[in-house]
Protein backbone atom coordinates (compact mmCIF):
# COMPACT_ATOMS: atom_id res chain seq x y z
CA UNK A 1 -105.58 147.68 -158.03
CA UNK A 2 -107.86 148.81 -155.21
CA UNK A 3 -108.38 146.73 -152.13
CA UNK A 4 -111.92 145.61 -151.36
CA UNK A 5 -112.70 147.09 -147.90
CA UNK A 6 -116.05 146.96 -146.17
CA UNK A 7 -117.50 149.94 -144.53
CA UNK A 8 -117.09 148.42 -141.06
CA UNK A 9 -113.42 147.67 -141.44
CA UNK A 10 -112.73 151.06 -143.09
CA UNK A 11 -114.33 152.83 -140.11
CA UNK A 12 -112.34 150.83 -137.58
CA UNK A 13 -115.49 149.10 -136.23
CA UNK A 14 -114.98 145.49 -135.10
CA UNK A 15 -116.02 142.62 -137.29
CA UNK A 16 -119.69 141.72 -136.99
CA UNK A 17 -120.91 145.26 -137.60
CA UNK A 18 -121.14 146.22 -133.89
CA UNK A 19 -119.47 149.53 -133.17
CA UNK A 20 -117.75 150.04 -129.82
CA UNK A 21 -118.72 153.30 -128.08
CA UNK A 22 -115.91 155.67 -127.19
CA UNK A 23 -114.29 154.62 -123.89
CA UNK A 24 -116.00 151.21 -123.93
CA UNK A 25 -113.33 149.19 -125.75
CA UNK A 26 -111.39 148.32 -122.56
CA UNK A 27 -114.49 147.47 -120.51
CA UNK A 28 -115.57 143.85 -120.38
CA UNK A 29 -119.00 142.66 -121.43
CA UNK A 30 -121.30 140.89 -118.95
CA UNK A 31 -120.15 137.36 -119.76
CA UNK A 32 -116.48 138.29 -119.44
CA UNK A 33 -117.14 140.09 -116.17
CA UNK A 34 -119.06 137.11 -114.76
CA UNK A 35 -116.21 134.70 -115.70
CA UNK A 36 -113.66 136.99 -114.06
CA UNK A 37 -115.60 137.23 -110.84
CA UNK A 38 -116.29 133.47 -110.64
CA UNK A 39 -112.55 132.80 -111.20
CA UNK A 40 -111.64 135.16 -108.36
CA UNK A 41 -113.91 133.49 -105.81
CA UNK A 42 -113.49 129.82 -106.68
CA UNK A 43 -116.50 128.93 -104.60
CA UNK A 44 -120.06 128.64 -106.00
CA UNK A 45 -122.19 131.79 -106.16
CA UNK A 46 -125.90 132.41 -106.64
CA UNK A 47 -127.32 134.62 -109.47
CA UNK A 48 -128.07 137.31 -106.90
CA UNK A 49 -124.47 137.30 -105.59
CA UNK A 50 -123.00 137.41 -109.08
CA UNK A 51 -125.34 140.21 -110.13
CA UNK A 52 -124.63 142.36 -107.06
CA UNK A 53 -120.90 141.95 -107.51
CA UNK A 54 -120.98 142.71 -111.24
CA UNK A 55 -122.83 145.93 -110.52
CA UNK A 56 -120.38 146.86 -107.70
CA UNK A 57 -117.15 146.01 -109.55
CA UNK A 58 -118.11 146.99 -113.11
CA UNK A 59 -120.02 150.31 -112.80
CA UNK A 60 -120.73 150.36 -116.51
CA UNK A 61 -122.78 147.18 -116.20
CA UNK A 62 -126.13 147.23 -114.45
CA UNK A 63 -127.80 143.90 -115.37
CA UNK A 64 -131.08 142.64 -113.96
CA UNK A 65 -131.27 139.25 -112.32
CA UNK A 66 -132.76 137.76 -115.50
CA UNK A 67 -129.92 139.08 -117.62
CA UNK A 68 -127.32 137.64 -115.23
CA UNK A 69 -129.17 134.30 -115.21
CA UNK A 70 -129.18 134.31 -119.04
CA UNK A 71 -125.46 135.10 -119.20
CA UNK A 72 -124.68 132.31 -116.70
CA UNK A 73 -126.90 129.93 -118.69
CA UNK A 74 -124.97 130.73 -121.85
CA UNK A 75 -121.70 130.13 -120.00
CA UNK A 76 -123.01 126.75 -118.72
CA UNK A 77 -123.97 125.83 -122.33
CA UNK A 78 -120.39 126.62 -123.44
CA UNK A 79 -118.94 124.49 -120.58
CA UNK A 80 -117.14 127.37 -118.92
CA UNK A 81 -119.43 127.33 -115.83
CA UNK A 82 -121.11 124.62 -113.79
CA UNK A 83 -124.63 124.77 -112.39
CA UNK A 84 -125.46 122.97 -109.16
CA UNK A 85 -128.88 122.87 -107.44
CA UNK A 86 -128.70 122.49 -103.67
CA UNK A 87 -130.52 123.81 -100.63
CA UNK A 88 -133.32 125.16 -102.82
CA UNK A 89 -130.98 127.43 -104.71
CA UNK A 90 -128.93 127.29 -107.89
CA UNK A 91 -125.18 127.76 -107.53
CA UNK A 92 -122.72 128.61 -110.27
CA UNK A 93 -118.98 127.94 -110.29
CA UNK A 94 -116.16 128.20 -112.76
CA UNK A 95 -115.07 125.07 -114.56
CA UNK A 96 -111.37 124.52 -114.06
CA UNK A 97 -109.46 123.15 -117.06
CA UNK A 98 -107.70 119.84 -116.60
CA UNK A 99 -103.93 120.25 -115.99
CA UNK A 100 -101.88 119.81 -119.14
CA UNK A 101 -98.46 118.26 -119.27
CA UNK A 102 -95.47 119.57 -121.33
CA UNK A 103 -96.47 117.45 -124.34
CA UNK A 104 -100.03 118.90 -124.33
CA UNK A 105 -101.77 115.80 -122.91
CA UNK A 106 -104.22 116.03 -119.97
CA UNK A 107 -102.61 115.02 -116.68
CA UNK A 108 -105.09 112.70 -114.99
CA UNK A 109 -102.85 109.74 -114.34
CA UNK A 110 -102.03 108.62 -110.81
CA UNK A 111 -98.70 107.51 -109.55
CA UNK A 112 -98.74 103.75 -108.72
CA UNK A 113 -98.36 102.83 -105.07
CA UNK A 114 -94.85 101.95 -104.14
CA UNK A 115 -93.34 103.90 -106.93
């Protein structure tokens, strides 16, 4: 009996039909790079700041301001990044996950006074 193998999986291409160019497999895409940089800084950043740093740190990425804005917008829609408008500018920051206890529940309880 012969296994049913698609052309993509037989060629080693990733699922979804998009081939990865030689040497590109270990390089992050724009959204992953943006998330990484926002996690490192912890303070809000503008689109311009994020774009300049992406270009400096990830030489294989050279996004325009509009492309960075679109990537940030997609990350906001997924809940991974927060958008804040202040001082006439839009600032983006990473959304920190709520702490989780050993049993998997979110830790948001406070300790009663006098305990």
